[in-house]
Amino acid sequence: MQKSRPHIQVSVHDQELKLRRGRKIIRRYPVSTSRFGVGSKENSHKTPLGKFRISDKVG
């Protein structure tokens, strides 16, 4: 049986990041999202919703 790839799930409501492999939660971390709420309008400083791919590591 092949293991599923890990993925990150962020809950704006719970202010929590979950590192998951399939349905199993590997780790939990507290996060802070925008005080301006959620949205995708450019320069609104809101937290965008949706699926995103991590492409680069910084630092």
C-alpha atoms as a PDB file:
ATOM      1  CA  MET A   1       0.000   0.000   0.000  1.00  0.00           C
ATOM      2  CA  GLN A   2       1.442   3.368  -1.053  1.00  0.00           C
ATOM      3  CA  LYS A   3       1.512   6.189   1.520  1.00  0.00           C
ATOM      4  CA  SER A   4      -0.279   9.383   0.601  1.00  0.00           C
ATOM      5  CA  ARG A   5       1.751  12.566   0.290  1.00  0.00           C
ATOM      6  CA  PRO A   6       1.700  14.966   3.226  1.00  0.00           C
ATOM      7  CA  HIS A   7      -0.325  18.143   2.851  1.00  0.00           C
ATOM      8  CA  ILE A   8      -0.997  21.267   4.886  1.00  0.00           C
ATOM      9  CA  GLN A   9      -4.467  22.393   5.902  1.00  0.00           C
ATOM     10  CA  VAL A  10      -5.028  25.828   7.462  1.00  0.00           C
ATOM     11  CA  SER A  11      -8.201  26.700   9.343  1.00  0.00           C
ATOM     12  CA  VAL A  12      -8.889  30.441   9.451  1.00  0.00           C
ATOM     13  CA  HIS A  13     -11.710  29.839  11.932  1.00  0.00           C
ATOM     14  CA  ASP A  14      -9.525  27.816  14.341  1.00  0.00           C
ATOM     15  CA  GLN A  15      -6.302  29.761  13.570  1.00  0.00           C
ATOM     16  CA  GLU A  16      -4.528  26.422  13.210  1.00  0.00           C
ATOM     17  CA  LEU A  17      -2.300  24.680  10.671  1.00  0.00           C
ATOM     18  CA  LYS A  18      -2.502  20.902  10.421  1.00  0.00           C
ATOM     19  CA  LEU A  19       0.131  18.764   8.720  1.00  0.00           C
ATOM     20  CA  ARG A  20      -1.728  15.725   7.418  1.00  0.00           C
ATOM     21  CA  ARG A  21      -0.967  12.485   5.645  1.00  0.00           C
ATOM     22  CA  GLY A  22      -4.268  11.275   4.294  1.00  0.00           C
ATOM     23  CA  ARG A  23      -6.783  11.642   7.127  1.00  0.00           C
ATOM     24  CA  LYS A  24      -4.126  11.357   9.857  1.00  0.00           C
ATOM     25  CA  ILE A  25      -2.946  14.563  11.565  1.00  0.00           C
ATOM     26  CA  ILE A  26       0.856  14.478  11.968  1.00  0.00           C
ATOM     27  CA  ARG A  27       1.375  17.876  13.659  1.00  0.00           C
ATOM     28  CA  ARG A  28      -0.638  20.968  14.655  1.00  0.00           C
ATOM     29  CA  TYR A  29       0.642  24.536  14.833  1.00  0.00           C
ATOM     30  CA  PRO A  30      -1.021  27.820  15.834  1.00  0.00           C
ATOM     31  CA  VAL A  31      -1.209  30.399  13.019  1.00  0.00           C
ATOM     32  CA  SER A  32      -2.315  33.978  12.616  1.00  0.00           C
ATOM     33  CA  THR A  33      -4.285  35.064   9.558  1.00  0.00           C
ATOM     34  CA  SER A  34      -5.185  38.576   8.426  1.00  0.00           C
ATOM     35  CA  ARG A  35      -7.097  40.869  10.756  1.00  0.00           C
ATOM     36  CA  PHE A  36      -8.905  42.090   7.614  1.00  0.00           C
ATOM     37  CA  GLY A  37     -10.666  38.744   7.154  1.00  0.00           C
ATOM     38  CA  VAL A  38     -10.680  36.533   4.081  1.00  0.00           C
ATOM     39  CA  GLY A  39     -10.781  37.480   0.420  1.00  0.00           C
ATOM     40  CA  SER A  40      -8.758  37.510  -2.754  1.00  0.00           C
ATOM     41  CA  LYS A  41      -8.906  41.132  -3.904  1.00  0.00           C
ATOM     42  CA  GLU A  42      -5.414  42.414  -4.695  1.00  0.00           C
ATOM     43  CA  ASN A  43      -3.894  44.734  -2.042  1.00  0.00           C
ATOM     44  CA  SER A  44      -6.790  44.082   0.364  1.00  0.00           C
ATOM     45  CA  HIS A  45      -4.441  42.450   2.911  1.00  0.00           C
ATOM     46  CA  LYS A  46      -7.022  39.682   3.347  1.00  0.00           C
ATOM     47  CA  THR A  47      -6.218  35.988   3.700  1.00  0.00           C
ATOM     48  CA  PRO A  48      -6.898  34.238   0.374  1.00  0.00           C
ATOM     49  CA  LEU A  49      -8.844  30.977   0.414  1.00  0.00           C
ATOM     50  CA  GLY A  50      -8.269  27.986  -1.832  1.00  0.00           C
ATOM     51  CA  LYS A  51      -5.692  25.365  -2.708  1.00  0.00           C
ATOM     52  CA  PHE A  52      -2.095  26.464  -3.116  1.00  0.00           C
ATOM     53  CA  ARG A  53       1.136  24.711  -4.025  1.00  0.00           C
ATOM     54  CA  ILE A  54       4.391  25.450  -2.207  1.00  0.00           C
ATOM     55  CA  SER A  55       6.972  26.073  -4.929  1.00  0.00           C
ATOM     56  CA  ASP A  56      10.034  27.467  -3.122  1.00  0.00           C
ATOM     57  CA  LYS A  57      11.649  27.518   0.280  1.00  0.00           C
ATOM     58  CA  VAL A  58      12.775  30.922   1.556  1.00  0.00           C
ATOM     59  CA  GLY A  59      15.544  31.183   4.147  1.00  0.00           C
END
